[in-house]
Amino acid sequence: MQGFLFAWMGALVLIGVLPPQETVTVENGTFLLLLAGRKVGQETYLHQKSGGENIWSGSVEIQTDDMSLKQKPRLVLAADGRPVSFDLTYSTDGREQALSYAFGATSFTVTNKGGQKDSSEEFPLPAGAVILANNVLHHEIILARRYDWKKGGRQEFVAVPNTPVSLDDRGIDDFLLNGKPLGLRHLFLSVGGVIGSNLWLDSQDRLIKADIPLQRITVYLEGYEKIDPALKNLAASSPAFAAIQAGFFSRDAQMSGTLTVPRAGAPPFPAVILISDTGPQNRDGDSPGVGGLKMGIFRSIAEKLSSNGIAVLRYDDRGVGKSGGSFPTAGMADFESDARSAISYLRARPEIDPGRIGIVGYSEGAILGARIAAESPEIRALLALACPARNGEEILLWQQEGNLARLGLREEDSKAEEKKSQAFVEAIKKADQDVIEIEDQKINVRWFRDFFAMDPLSIIRKVKCSVAIVQGRKDIQIPPEDAEALDKALTESDNRDHSLKVFPNLGHLFTDSSGEGLAEMADTRKVVSEEALDYILGFLKRKL
């Protein structure tokens, strides 16, 4: 995607005929770009001053399995921080294009050359505008230097053409470099509420490390590739519970997980299984490998429950972590089978009371849990976290509408993105194979067929055990109003033991949320709400 999102300030003043200005190099450096831990590119940058101008230029090269990109950006900033010009030449898979931004007092003009048709368009200039170009990392240095550390807190900007950008101070994080401690200031960057990035800067305001977790991208300033977070290791077991490695078979796969069992009290204990959300996740509810979400929602739930008398089985999704099988070709029926096998394993354990088993399902996992609970009289309780009430196609369209609105795109750009999504859905529906390629990416058609066809309301109406519908009002992945629809469906089906709990300030991950978008999922300082954990524990204590 070759869009433009952000910048900072500098200068250009050439009036009449002036003697040549001396150009002084202020700083330079090289960033190394890693995708899922593998180096895929680098960027060199140069900051110079000439007269009253700040000139930032660079060269970007990125090579992945799906894309070859080269960029040469040049940004000129006035002494008062006003952008004067920005030029970018770039080639994607060998096709070369050029963009030029010329800034006036109240507007700016964008000239595009090398596309299907050369074009030029004028836009109003937002007050205090910043510029951030995709894949131009040194623009984030410029933006970070606009942050007022004395003021602190959340500070907002507007990236041209009209995208809201914010920076939040996350304090000092401790790292180790060659065994020596290194403290770096941590800023959290949100772009349109959709893109979230963590920036770590040293005392000289140099960008040492950055990551975009949802895209599995990590960036290091050359020479700092070996820094490691100085984090405390969390013990697998604790004085409150024992952690037992668990293994069970599900169809063609040997599954692996962790069973946490309370130390206090006498067995057999009531127990629950945790069924994960959409996408590959390990037993902690995190994305596997480098990057991705690392919130540990399932670990938090397991430790809360097992510290208070309830055993918990959580497991790596098939094809993830230590579990066998294939994730990229699995359908929802495979994940349902895995959960059923987990329940069978749990009921056979001597520490567990087979008559007091519950399910905690998260989003897609809540739908699978409801299917199982509807057909399994041994299930005493279902706790459905962030459960949808509509089919997958409707969910995707709802998510896209929100994301496009937050980014502040032009109407024609939004319509173009909507057409892409519609084309994606149609390609899935027309596919006669289980796996296809769309824009050089392999798509699991089998899973999408299941996702599009699911009918959560008809499923939940069949559930007769105790049910709690738990939802965050600031959720931007699942429509919050779906919780009320599920609760109503339970009432209409004569389920006499169901409850609804909506947390007004929590998001999809049950962390405190502003509701502005996906970006906050990348915020490494977010933690699962203790209030939500208390509610989950209280419900299961009463029902199991």
Protein backbone atom coordinates (compact mmCIF):
# COMPACT_ATOMS: atom_id res chain seq x y z
CA MET A 1 0.00 0.00 0.00
CA GLN A 2 1.62 3.24 -1.11
CA GLY A 3 -0.22 5.80 1.01
CA PHE A 4 1.09 8.60 3.12
CA LEU A 5 0.40 9.07 6.73
CA PHE A 6 2.93 11.25 8.65
CA ALA A 7 6.00 13.87 9.22
CA TRP A 8 7.52 16.82 11.20
CA MET A 9 9.11 20.22 10.49
CA GLY A 10 12.05 22.17 9.00
CA ALA A 11 12.54 24.88 6.34
CA LEU A 12 13.01 26.34 2.90
CA VAL A 13 13.61 30.03 2.18
CA LEU A 14 15.05 31.03 -1.18
CA ILE A 15 14.15 34.58 -2.14
CA GLY A 16 15.92 36.32 -4.96
CA VAL A 17 19.55 35.47 -5.50
CA LEU A 18 21.34 34.45 -2.31
CA PRO A 19 24.86 33.15 -1.79
CA PRO A 20 25.01 29.35 -1.51
CA GLN A 21 24.22 28.07 1.95
CA GLU A 22 26.58 25.69 3.70
CA THR A 23 25.09 22.22 4.12
CA VAL A 24 25.88 20.59 7.45
CA THR A 25 25.26 16.96 8.31
CA VAL A 26 23.41 16.65 11.61
CA GLU A 27 22.97 12.89 11.83
CA ASN A 28 22.67 9.73 9.77
CA GLY A 29 22.00 6.07 10.36
CA THR A 30 20.73 2.77 9.06
CA PHE A 31 17.63 0.87 10.16
CA LEU A 32 17.33 -2.89 9.78
CA LEU A 33 13.81 -4.16 9.05
CA LEU A 34 12.74 -7.64 10.20
CA LEU A 35 9.51 -9.44 9.33
CA ALA A 36 8.68 -12.23 11.80
CA GLY A 37 12.33 -12.23 12.87
CA ARG A 38 13.76 -12.43 9.33
CA LYS A 39 15.61 -9.48 7.79
CA VAL A 40 13.69 -8.22 4.75
CA GLY A 41 15.13 -4.76 4.21
CA GLN A 42 16.92 -1.70 5.43
CA GLU A 43 16.74 2.08 5.34
CA THR A 44 19.54 4.62 5.37
CA TYR A 45 18.72 8.18 6.34
CA LEU A 46 20.51 11.52 6.41
CA HIS A 47 19.55 14.69 8.29
CA GLN A 48 21.18 17.89 7.05
CA LYS A 49 20.80 21.63 7.65
CA SER A 50 21.18 24.24 4.99
CA GLY A 51 20.54 27.79 6.08
CA GLY A 52 17.31 27.65 8.01
CA GLU A 53 16.18 24.41 6.44
CA ASN A 54 16.13 20.87 7.82
CA ILE A 55 16.50 18.34 5.02
CA TRP A 56 15.76 14.67 5.64
CA SER A 57 16.54 12.18 2.88
CA GLY A 58 17.02 8.46 2.63
CA SER A 59 16.90 5.22 0.72
CA VAL A 60 14.62 2.25 1.49
CA GLU A 61 14.89 -1.28 0.13
CA ILE A 62 12.47 -4.04 1.13
CA GLN A 63 12.35 -7.54 -0.35
CA THR A 64 9.79 -10.08 0.85
CA ASP A 65 8.35 -13.21 -0.73
CA ASP A 66 5.45 -11.11 -2.02
CA MET A 67 6.97 -7.71 -2.75
CA SER A 68 10.03 -5.83 -3.93
CA LEU A 69 10.05 -2.15 -2.93
CA LYS A 70 12.60 0.65 -3.36
CA GLN A 71 12.03 4.23 -2.14
CA LYS A 72 13.97 7.48 -2.08
CA PRO A 73 12.28 10.09 0.14
CA ARG A 74 13.34 13.73 0.61
CA LEU A 75 11.58 16.02 3.08
CA VAL A 76 12.28 19.73 3.56
CA LEU A 77 11.09 21.45 6.75
CA ALA A 78 11.08 25.11 7.64
CA ALA A 79 12.75 26.50 10.77
CA ASP A 80 9.35 26.85 12.44
CA GLY A 81 8.56 23.19 11.76
CA ARG A 82 6.34 23.86 8.73
CA PRO A 83 6.62 21.28 5.92
CA VAL A 84 7.80 22.89 2.68
CA SER A 85 8.19 19.98 0.27
CA PHE A 86 8.24 16.23 0.20
CA ASP A 87 9.40 14.16 -2.77
CA LEU A 88 9.30 10.40 -3.08
CA THR A 89 10.40 8.17 -5.93
CA TYR A 90 9.53 4.54 -5.53
CA SER A 91 9.32 1.32 -7.48
CA THR A 92 7.18 -1.66 -6.58
CA ASP A 93 8.08 -4.87 -8.37
CA GLY A 94 9.98 -2.81 -10.95
CA ARG A 95 7.23 -0.25 -11.67
CA GLU A 96 8.58 3.23 -10.96
CA GLN A 97 6.50 6.19 -9.79
CA ALA A 98 7.07 9.57 -8.19
CA LEU A 99 5.09 11.71 -5.76
CA SER A 100 5.74 15.37 -5.00
CA TYR A 101 4.13 17.36 -2.19
CA ALA A 102 4.36 21.16 -2.34
CA PHE A 103 3.12 22.96 0.79
CA GLY A 104 1.65 26.45 1.02
CA ALA A 105 0.29 28.37 3.97
CA THR A 106 -3.19 26.79 3.92
CA SER A 107 -3.04 24.01 1.32
CA PHE A 108 -0.75 21.55 -0.36
CA THR A 109 -0.57 20.02 -3.82
CA VAL A 110 0.22 16.38 -4.59
CA THR A 111 1.59 15.50 -8.01
CA ASN A 112 1.69 11.84 -9.02
CA LYS A 113 3.81 10.76 -11.98
CA GLY A 114 4.38 7.35 -13.47
CA GLY A 115 1.00 5.77 -12.71
CA GLN A 116 -1.66 4.95 -15.25
CA LYS A 117 -2.20 8.67 -15.57
CA ASP A 118 -0.24 11.65 -14.24
CA SER A 119 -2.30 13.69 -11.82
CA SER A 120 -2.17 16.72 -9.55
CA GLU A 121 -4.56 17.50 -6.72
CA GLU A 122 -4.82 20.20 -4.06
CA PHE A 123 -5.82 19.58 -0.42
CA PRO A 124 -6.41 21.81 2.61
CA LEU A 125 -3.46 21.77 5.01
CA PRO A 126 -4.39 20.80 8.58
CA ALA A 127 -3.03 23.01 11.33
CA GLY A 128 0.29 21.69 12.65
CA ALA A 129 0.32 18.97 10.00
CA VAL A 130 2.80 16.09 10.16
CA ILE A 131 3.95 13.78 7.39
CA LEU A 132 4.53 10.07 7.75
CA ALA A 133 5.19 8.08 4.60
CA ASN A 134 4.65 4.35 4.54
CA ASN A 135 7.88 2.44 5.08
CA VAL A 136 9.89 5.62 5.76
CA LEU A 137 11.09 5.01 9.29
CA HIS A 138 13.03 8.22 9.87
CA HIS A 139 9.77 10.19 9.66
CA GLU A 140 8.93 8.61 13.00
CA ILE A 141 12.10 10.17 14.45
CA ILE A 142 10.86 13.57 13.35
CA LEU A 143 7.41 12.95 14.80
CA ALA A 144 8.80 11.67 18.11
CA ARG A 145 10.84 14.87 18.49
CA ARG A 146 7.65 16.86 18.43
CA TYR A 147 6.50 15.10 21.56
CA ASP A 148 6.52 17.38 24.62
CA TRP A 149 8.02 15.22 27.36
CA LYS A 150 7.33 17.80 30.05
CA LYS A 151 3.66 17.82 29.21
CA GLY A 152 3.53 14.03 28.86
CA GLY A 153 0.38 11.96 28.35
CA ARG A 154 -1.39 11.55 25.02
CA GLN A 155 -0.53 14.17 22.41
CA GLU A 156 -2.41 14.41 19.12
CA PHE A 157 -1.37 15.40 15.61
CA VAL A 158 -2.85 15.29 12.12
CA ALA A 159 -0.99 13.52 9.31
CA VAL A 160 -1.59 14.70 5.78
CA PRO A 161 -4.02 14.50 4.20
CA ASN A 162 -6.27 14.19 7.28
CA THR A 163 -5.38 11.18 9.46
CA PRO A 164 -5.39 11.49 13.27
CA VAL A 165 -2.09 10.51 14.89
CA SER A 166 -1.26 10.27 18.58
CA LEU A 167 1.76 9.63 20.77
CA ASP A 168 1.57 8.33 24.35
CA ASP A 169 4.38 8.25 26.89
CA ARG A 170 4.87 4.70 28.19
CA GLY A 171 7.76 5.51 30.53
CA ILE A 172 11.23 3.96 30.57
CA ASP A 173 11.76 0.35 29.47
CA ASP A 174 14.87 -1.55 30.51
CA PHE A 175 16.94 -3.45 27.95
CA LEU A 176 20.26 -5.26 27.90
CA LEU A 177 22.91 -4.62 25.25
CA ASN A 178 25.89 -6.97 25.42
CA GLY A 179 24.97 -7.66 29.03
CA LYS A 180 24.89 -3.98 30.00
CA PRO A 181 21.67 -2.20 31.08
CA LEU A 182 20.13 0.28 28.65
CA GLY A 183 17.09 2.42 29.49
CA LEU A 184 14.99 3.62 26.55
CA ARG A 185 12.05 5.99 26.52
CA HIS A 186 8.94 4.31 25.18
CA LEU A 187 6.34 6.08 23.02
CA PHE A 188 3.22 4.39 21.70
CA LEU A 189 2.22 5.62 18.24
CA SER A 190 -1.33 5.29 16.92
CA VAL A 191 -2.17 6.13 13.30
CA GLY A 192 -5.85 6.57 12.66
CA GLY A 193 -6.54 4.15 15.50
CA VAL A 194 -5.71 1.35 13.03
CA ILE A 195 -1.90 1.09 12.99
CA GLY A 196 -0.14 0.76 16.35
CA SER A 197 3.61 0.99 16.82
CA ASN A 198 5.98 1.05 19.78
CA LEU A 199 8.96 3.43 19.55
CA TRP A 200 11.97 3.26 21.86
CA LEU A 201 14.33 6.26 21.95
CA ASP A 202 17.60 6.91 23.73
CA SER A 203 18.58 10.07 25.63
CA GLN A 204 19.62 11.72 22.35
CA ASP A 205 16.17 11.13 20.85
CA ARG A 206 17.55 8.55 18.44
CA LEU A 207 15.12 5.82 17.41
CA ILE A 208 16.79 2.63 18.65
CA LYS A 209 13.98 0.15 18.17
CA ALA A 210 10.43 0.10 16.83
CA ASP A 211 7.84 -2.56 16.29
CA ILE A 212 4.43 -2.95 14.68
CA PRO A 213 3.19 -6.10 16.44
CA LEU A 214 0.08 -6.74 14.34
CA GLN A 215 2.25 -6.80 11.21
CA ARG A 216 5.09 -8.74 12.90
CA ILE A 217 7.55 -5.99 11.98
CA THR A 218 10.55 -5.11 14.14
CA VAL A 219 13.07 -2.37 13.39
CA TYR A 220 16.52 -1.81 14.90
CA LEU A 221 19.00 1.00 14.51
CA GLU A 222 22.11 -0.68 13.14
CA GLY A 223 24.38 -1.66 16.01
CA TYR A 224 21.46 -2.34 18.37
CA GLU A 225 20.14 -5.57 16.84
CA LYS A 226 21.19 -7.54 19.92
CA ILE A 227 19.26 -5.60 22.55
CA ASP A 228 17.00 -7.74 24.70
CA PRO A 229 14.21 -6.67 27.05
CA ALA A 230 15.28 -6.99 30.67
CA LEU A 231 12.10 -8.79 31.61
CA LYS A 232 11.49 -11.00 34.62
CA ASN A 233 10.74 -14.58 33.79
CA LEU A 234 7.29 -15.70 34.90
CA ALA A 235 7.21 -19.09 36.56
CA ALA A 236 5.03 -21.74 34.93
CA SER A 237 3.77 -22.78 38.36
CA SER A 238 3.12 -20.74 41.47
CA PRO A 239 2.40 -21.36 45.16
CA ALA A 240 -1.30 -21.17 44.25
CA PHE A 241 -1.37 -23.72 41.43
CA ALA A 242 0.64 -26.40 39.63
CA ALA A 243 1.22 -26.27 35.87
CA ILE A 244 1.14 -29.69 34.18
CA GLN A 245 2.11 -30.30 30.56
CA ALA A 246 -0.92 -31.79 28.80
CA GLY A 247 -1.15 -33.82 25.60
CA PHE A 248 -4.09 -35.35 23.75
CA PHE A 249 -5.02 -36.50 20.27
CA SER A 250 -7.58 -34.78 18.05
CA ARG A 251 -8.24 -36.45 14.71
CA ASP A 252 -4.86 -36.33 12.94
CA ALA A 253 -3.09 -34.09 15.44
CA GLN A 254 -1.21 -34.54 18.71
CA MET A 255 -2.26 -31.47 20.70
CA SER A 256 -0.17 -29.84 23.42
CA GLY A 257 -1.20 -27.58 26.26
CA THR A 258 -0.98 -26.68 29.93
CA LEU A 259 -3.29 -27.84 32.71
CA THR A 260 -3.17 -25.59 35.77
CA VAL A 261 -4.47 -27.25 38.93
CA PRO A 262 -5.15 -25.50 42.28
CA ARG A 263 -2.81 -26.40 45.14
CA ALA A 264 -5.31 -25.45 47.83
CA GLY A 265 -8.27 -27.71 48.51
CA ALA A 266 -8.81 -31.36 47.73
CA PRO A 267 -9.41 -32.85 44.29
CA PRO A 268 -11.39 -33.46 42.23
CA PHE A 269 -11.66 -29.84 41.09
CA PRO A 270 -14.12 -28.13 38.77
CA ALA A 271 -12.43 -27.25 35.49
CA VAL A 272 -12.79 -25.29 32.25
CA ILE A 273 -11.20 -25.38 28.84
CA LEU A 274 -10.28 -22.20 26.96
CA ILE A 275 -11.11 -22.02 23.23
CA SER A 276 -9.23 -19.39 21.27
CA ASP A 277 -10.23 -16.56 18.97
CA THR A 278 -9.68 -16.39 15.19
CA GLY A 279 -6.12 -16.76 13.93
CA PRO A 280 -3.16 -18.91 15.03
CA GLN A 281 -2.63 -18.63 18.78
CA ASN A 282 -0.61 -20.44 21.39
CA ARG A 283 -1.91 -21.65 24.74
CA ASP A 284 -1.52 -18.17 26.28
CA GLY A 285 -3.82 -16.63 23.65
CA ASP A 286 -0.84 -14.94 21.96
CA SER A 287 0.34 -14.93 18.36
CA PRO A 288 3.16 -17.44 17.97
CA GLY A 289 6.71 -16.50 17.09
CA VAL A 290 8.11 -13.00 16.68
CA GLY A 291 5.64 -10.11 16.66
CA GLY A 292 1.86 -10.33 16.77
CA LEU A 293 -0.29 -9.96 19.87
CA LYS A 294 1.41 -10.73 23.18
CA MET A 295 -1.30 -9.85 25.70
CA GLY A 296 -1.49 -13.25 27.41
CA ILE A 297 -5.25 -13.15 27.87
CA PHE A 298 -5.57 -16.94 28.31
CA ARG A 299 -2.64 -17.11 30.69
CA SER A 300 -4.24 -14.33 32.77
CA ILE A 301 -7.57 -16.17 32.89
CA ALA A 302 -5.94 -19.50 33.73
CA GLU A 303 -3.84 -18.09 36.55
CA LYS A 304 -6.79 -16.20 38.01
CA LEU A 305 -9.05 -19.24 38.03
CA SER A 306 -6.46 -21.78 39.16
CA SER A 307 -5.39 -19.52 42.01
CA ASN A 308 -8.99 -19.68 43.19
CA GLY A 309 -10.01 -23.31 43.04
CA ILE A 310 -10.76 -23.95 39.34
CA ALA A 311 -8.50 -26.04 37.08
CA VAL A 312 -7.92 -24.78 33.54
CA LEU A 313 -6.81 -26.50 30.34
CA ARG A 314 -5.45 -24.25 27.62
CA TYR A 315 -3.68 -25.52 24.52
CA ASP A 316 -1.79 -24.43 21.42
CA ASP A 317 -3.99 -24.26 18.30
CA ARG A 318 -3.37 -27.08 15.83
CA GLY A 319 -0.21 -26.38 13.85
CA VAL A 320 0.92 -23.80 16.42
CA GLY A 321 3.59 -24.13 19.11
CA LYS A 322 3.92 -27.75 20.19
CA SER A 323 0.60 -28.92 18.70
CA GLY A 324 0.61 -31.00 15.53
CA GLY A 325 -1.67 -30.69 12.54
CA SER A 326 -2.01 -27.88 10.02
CA PHE A 327 -3.44 -24.49 10.88
CA PRO A 328 -3.42 -22.94 7.36
CA THR A 329 -5.72 -25.65 5.97
CA ALA A 330 -7.99 -26.18 9.02
CA GLY A 331 -11.68 -25.37 9.09
CA MET A 332 -13.89 -24.46 12.04
CA ALA A 333 -14.93 -28.12 12.31
CA ASP A 334 -11.29 -29.04 13.02
CA PHE A 335 -11.05 -26.47 15.82
CA GLU A 336 -14.34 -27.72 17.25
CA SER A 337 -12.99 -31.28 17.20
CA ASP A 338 -9.85 -30.10 19.02
CA ALA A 339 -11.98 -28.54 21.76
CA ARG A 340 -14.10 -31.69 22.14
CA SER A 341 -10.93 -33.76 22.47
CA ALA A 342 -9.65 -31.33 25.11
CA ILE A 343 -12.82 -31.82 27.12
CA SER A 344 -12.49 -35.62 26.89
CA TYR A 345 -8.90 -35.35 28.11
CA LEU A 346 -9.96 -33.10 30.98
CA ARG A 347 -12.79 -35.37 32.12
CA ALA A 348 -10.41 -38.34 32.26
CA ARG A 349 -7.90 -36.61 34.56
CA PRO A 350 -7.99 -37.86 38.18
CA GLU A 351 -7.68 -34.29 39.54
CA ILE A 352 -10.84 -33.18 37.72
CA ASP A 353 -14.51 -33.63 38.58
CA PRO A 354 -16.05 -34.79 35.25
CA GLY A 355 -19.44 -33.53 36.34
CA ARG A 356 -18.27 -29.92 36.79
CA ILE A 357 -16.83 -28.91 33.42
CA GLY A 358 -17.23 -25.50 31.81
CA ILE A 359 -16.14 -23.74 28.63
CA VAL A 360 -14.64 -20.27 28.26
CA GLY A 361 -14.79 -19.38 24.57
CA TYR A 362 -13.28 -16.24 23.11
CA SER A 363 -15.00 -14.75 20.03
CA GLU A 364 -14.85 -17.52 17.38
CA GLY A 365 -14.07 -19.85 20.28
CA ALA A 366 -17.33 -18.79 21.93
CA ILE A 367 -19.28 -19.98 18.87
CA LEU A 368 -17.45 -23.31 18.93
CA GLY A 369 -18.05 -23.56 22.68
CA ALA A 370 -21.77 -22.92 22.17
CA ARG A 371 -21.97 -25.72 19.60
CA ILE A 372 -20.32 -28.13 22.01
CA ALA A 373 -22.38 -27.02 25.02
CA ALA A 374 -25.62 -27.43 23.02
CA GLU A 375 -24.77 -31.09 22.35
CA SER A 376 -22.99 -32.05 25.58
CA PRO A 377 -25.09 -32.40 28.75
CA GLU A 378 -21.92 -32.78 30.84
CA ILE A 379 -21.06 -29.10 30.22
CA ARG A 380 -22.30 -27.12 33.21
CA ALA A 381 -21.48 -23.57 32.08
CA LEU A 382 -20.52 -21.55 29.00
CA LEU A 383 -18.80 -18.19 29.30
CA ALA A 384 -18.84 -16.42 25.90
CA LEU A 385 -16.29 -13.61 25.60
CA ALA A 386 -16.72 -11.10 22.74
CA CYS A 387 -19.05 -13.48 20.92
CA PRO A 388 -20.49 -12.38 17.55
CA ALA A 389 -24.18 -12.61 16.76
CA ARG A 390 -23.80 -12.35 12.98
CA ASN A 391 -22.02 -14.28 10.25
CA GLY A 392 -18.40 -13.76 9.27
CA GLU A 393 -19.08 -11.80 6.11
CA GLU A 394 -21.14 -9.24 8.04
CA ILE A 395 -18.42 -8.99 10.70
CA LEU A 396 -15.69 -8.29 8.11
CA LEU A 397 -17.76 -5.54 6.48
CA TRP A 398 -18.52 -3.98 9.87
CA GLN A 399 -14.84 -4.01 10.80
CA GLN A 400 -13.83 -2.43 7.50
CA GLU A 401 -16.38 0.37 7.77
CA GLY A 402 -14.99 1.32 11.16
CA ASN A 403 -11.35 1.14 10.09
CA LEU A 404 -11.88 3.28 6.98
CA ALA A 405 -13.81 5.88 8.97
CA ARG A 406 -10.99 6.15 11.53
CA LEU A 407 -8.28 6.60 8.91
CA GLY A 408 -9.95 9.72 7.47
CA LEU A 409 -9.40 8.65 3.86
CA ARG A 410 -10.81 10.52 0.90
CA GLU A 411 -14.16 9.22 -0.31
CA GLU A 412 -12.70 7.76 -3.52
CA ASP A 413 -9.97 5.96 -1.56
CA SER A 414 -12.53 4.50 0.85
CA LYS A 415 -14.65 3.29 -2.06
CA ALA A 416 -11.61 1.66 -3.64
CA GLU A 417 -10.90 -0.23 -0.40
CA GLU A 418 -14.54 -1.28 -0.17
CA LYS A 419 -14.37 -2.68 -3.71
CA LYS A 420 -11.27 -4.67 -2.79
CA SER A 421 -13.09 -6.20 0.17
CA GLN A 422 -16.13 -7.05 -1.93
CA ALA A 423 -13.87 -8.67 -4.53
CA PHE A 424 -12.19 -10.71 -1.77
CA VAL A 425 -15.54 -11.98 -0.47
CA GLU A 426 -16.70 -12.88 -3.99
CA ALA A 427 -13.43 -14.73 -4.69
CA ILE A 428 -13.98 -16.80 -1.53
CA LYS A 429 -17.56 -17.62 -2.50
CA LYS A 430 -16.63 -18.65 -6.04
CA ALA A 431 -13.55 -20.68 -5.11
CA ASP A 432 -13.72 -24.42 -5.85
CA GLN A 433 -10.55 -25.22 -3.89
CA ASP A 434 -9.80 -25.17 -0.16
CA VAL A 435 -6.75 -22.92 -0.57
CA ILE A 436 -6.36 -20.15 -3.16
CA GLU A 437 -4.03 -17.20 -3.75
CA ILE A 438 -5.28 -13.61 -3.62
CA GLU A 439 -2.71 -10.86 -4.21
CA ASP A 440 0.12 -13.39 -3.73
CA GLN A 441 -1.22 -14.56 -0.35
CA LYS A 442 -2.52 -18.04 0.37
CA ILE A 443 -6.10 -17.91 1.66
CA ASN A 444 -7.74 -20.71 3.66
CA VAL A 445 -11.03 -20.87 1.76
CA ARG A 446 -12.23 -23.80 3.84
CA TRP A 447 -12.15 -21.75 7.04
CA PHE A 448 -13.69 -18.68 5.38
CA ARG A 449 -16.59 -20.76 4.05
CA ASP A 450 -17.33 -21.90 7.61
CA PHE A 451 -16.89 -18.36 8.93
CA PHE A 452 -19.27 -16.86 6.37
CA ALA A 453 -21.87 -19.59 6.89
CA MET A 454 -22.00 -19.61 10.71
CA ASP A 455 -25.24 -18.53 12.36
CA PRO A 456 -24.42 -17.67 16.00
CA LEU A 457 -28.00 -16.85 17.03
CA SER A 458 -29.35 -20.23 15.95
CA ILE A 459 -26.45 -21.92 17.75
CA ILE A 460 -26.86 -20.05 21.03
CA ARG A 461 -30.61 -20.80 21.11
CA LYS A 462 -29.78 -24.49 21.51
CA VAL A 463 -27.64 -24.02 24.62
CA LYS A 464 -29.42 -25.07 27.85
CA CYS A 465 -26.60 -24.85 30.43
CA SER A 466 -25.71 -21.71 32.40
CA VAL A 467 -24.44 -18.98 30.03
CA ALA A 468 -22.71 -15.66 30.58
CA ILE A 469 -22.37 -13.27 27.64
CA VAL A 470 -19.41 -10.97 28.38
CA GLN A 471 -18.60 -8.01 26.16
CA GLY A 472 -16.49 -4.84 26.07
CA ARG A 473 -18.42 -1.78 24.95
CA LYS A 474 -15.29 -0.39 23.21
CA ASP A 475 -14.76 -3.54 21.10
CA ILE A 476 -13.87 -2.71 17.48
CA GLN A 477 -13.59 -6.35 16.32
CA ILE A 478 -17.05 -7.55 17.33
CA PRO A 479 -20.07 -5.20 17.32
CA PRO A 480 -20.82 -4.55 21.02
CA GLU A 481 -24.56 -4.63 20.35
CA ASP A 482 -24.23 -8.29 19.37
CA ALA A 483 -24.09 -9.15 23.08
CA GLU A 484 -27.65 -7.89 23.56
CA ALA A 485 -28.80 -9.90 20.53
CA LEU A 486 -27.30 -13.10 21.98
CA ASP A 487 -28.86 -12.47 25.38
CA LYS A 488 -32.24 -11.88 23.75
CA ALA A 489 -31.91 -15.13 21.78
CA LEU A 490 -31.27 -17.03 25.02
CA THR A 491 -34.37 -15.47 26.58
CA GLU A 492 -36.50 -16.41 23.55
CA SER A 493 -35.22 -20.00 23.68
CA ASP A 494 -36.29 -20.41 27.33
CA ASN A 495 -32.77 -20.72 28.71
CA ARG A 496 -33.52 -19.77 32.32
CA ASP A 497 -29.97 -19.35 33.53
CA HIS A 498 -28.17 -16.74 31.46
CA SER A 499 -26.65 -13.35 32.18
CA LEU A 500 -25.20 -10.43 30.26
CA LYS A 501 -22.24 -8.34 31.37
CA VAL A 502 -21.00 -5.39 29.31
CA PHE A 503 -17.92 -3.53 30.50
CA PRO A 504 -18.22 0.11 29.34
CA ASN A 505 -14.49 0.86 29.07
CA LEU A 506 -13.04 -2.42 27.82
CA GLY A 507 -12.14 -3.46 24.28
CA HIS A 508 -11.87 -6.74 22.40
CA LEU A 509 -8.95 -7.97 24.51
CA PHE A 510 -10.74 -6.98 27.74
CA THR A 511 -8.17 -4.29 28.42
CA ASP A 512 -8.92 -0.62 29.06
CA SER A 513 -9.79 0.90 25.71
CA SER A 514 -10.44 4.23 24.06
CA GLY A 515 -12.35 2.44 21.31
CA GLU A 516 -10.38 4.26 18.63
CA GLY A 517 -9.24 1.16 16.75
CA LEU A 518 -6.92 -1.79 16.22
CA ALA A 519 -3.81 0.24 17.01
CA GLU A 520 -4.23 -0.10 20.76
CA MET A 521 -3.88 -3.88 20.49
CA ALA A 522 -0.20 -3.24 19.81
CA ASP A 523 0.26 -1.35 23.08
CA THR A 524 2.61 -3.51 25.14
CA ARG A 525 1.54 -1.90 28.41
CA LYS A 526 -2.06 -3.06 28.19
CA VAL A 527 -3.15 -5.74 30.67
CA VAL A 528 -6.31 -7.79 31.02
CA SER A 529 -8.82 -6.01 33.26
CA GLU A 530 -8.89 -7.27 36.83
CA GLU A 531 -12.60 -6.39 36.94
CA ALA A 532 -13.26 -8.70 33.98
CA LEU A 533 -11.19 -11.48 35.54
CA ASP A 534 -13.15 -11.13 38.80
CA TYR A 535 -16.43 -11.42 36.89
CA ILE A 536 -15.27 -14.54 35.03
CA LEU A 537 -14.15 -16.13 38.31
CA GLY A 538 -17.36 -15.23 40.12
CA PHE A 539 -19.61 -16.64 37.41
CA LEU A 540 -17.71 -19.94 37.21
CA LYS A 541 -17.53 -20.28 40.99
CA ARG A 542 -21.31 -20.03 41.16
CA LYS A 543 -22.08 -22.36 38.26
CA LEU A 544 -19.51 -25.17 38.50
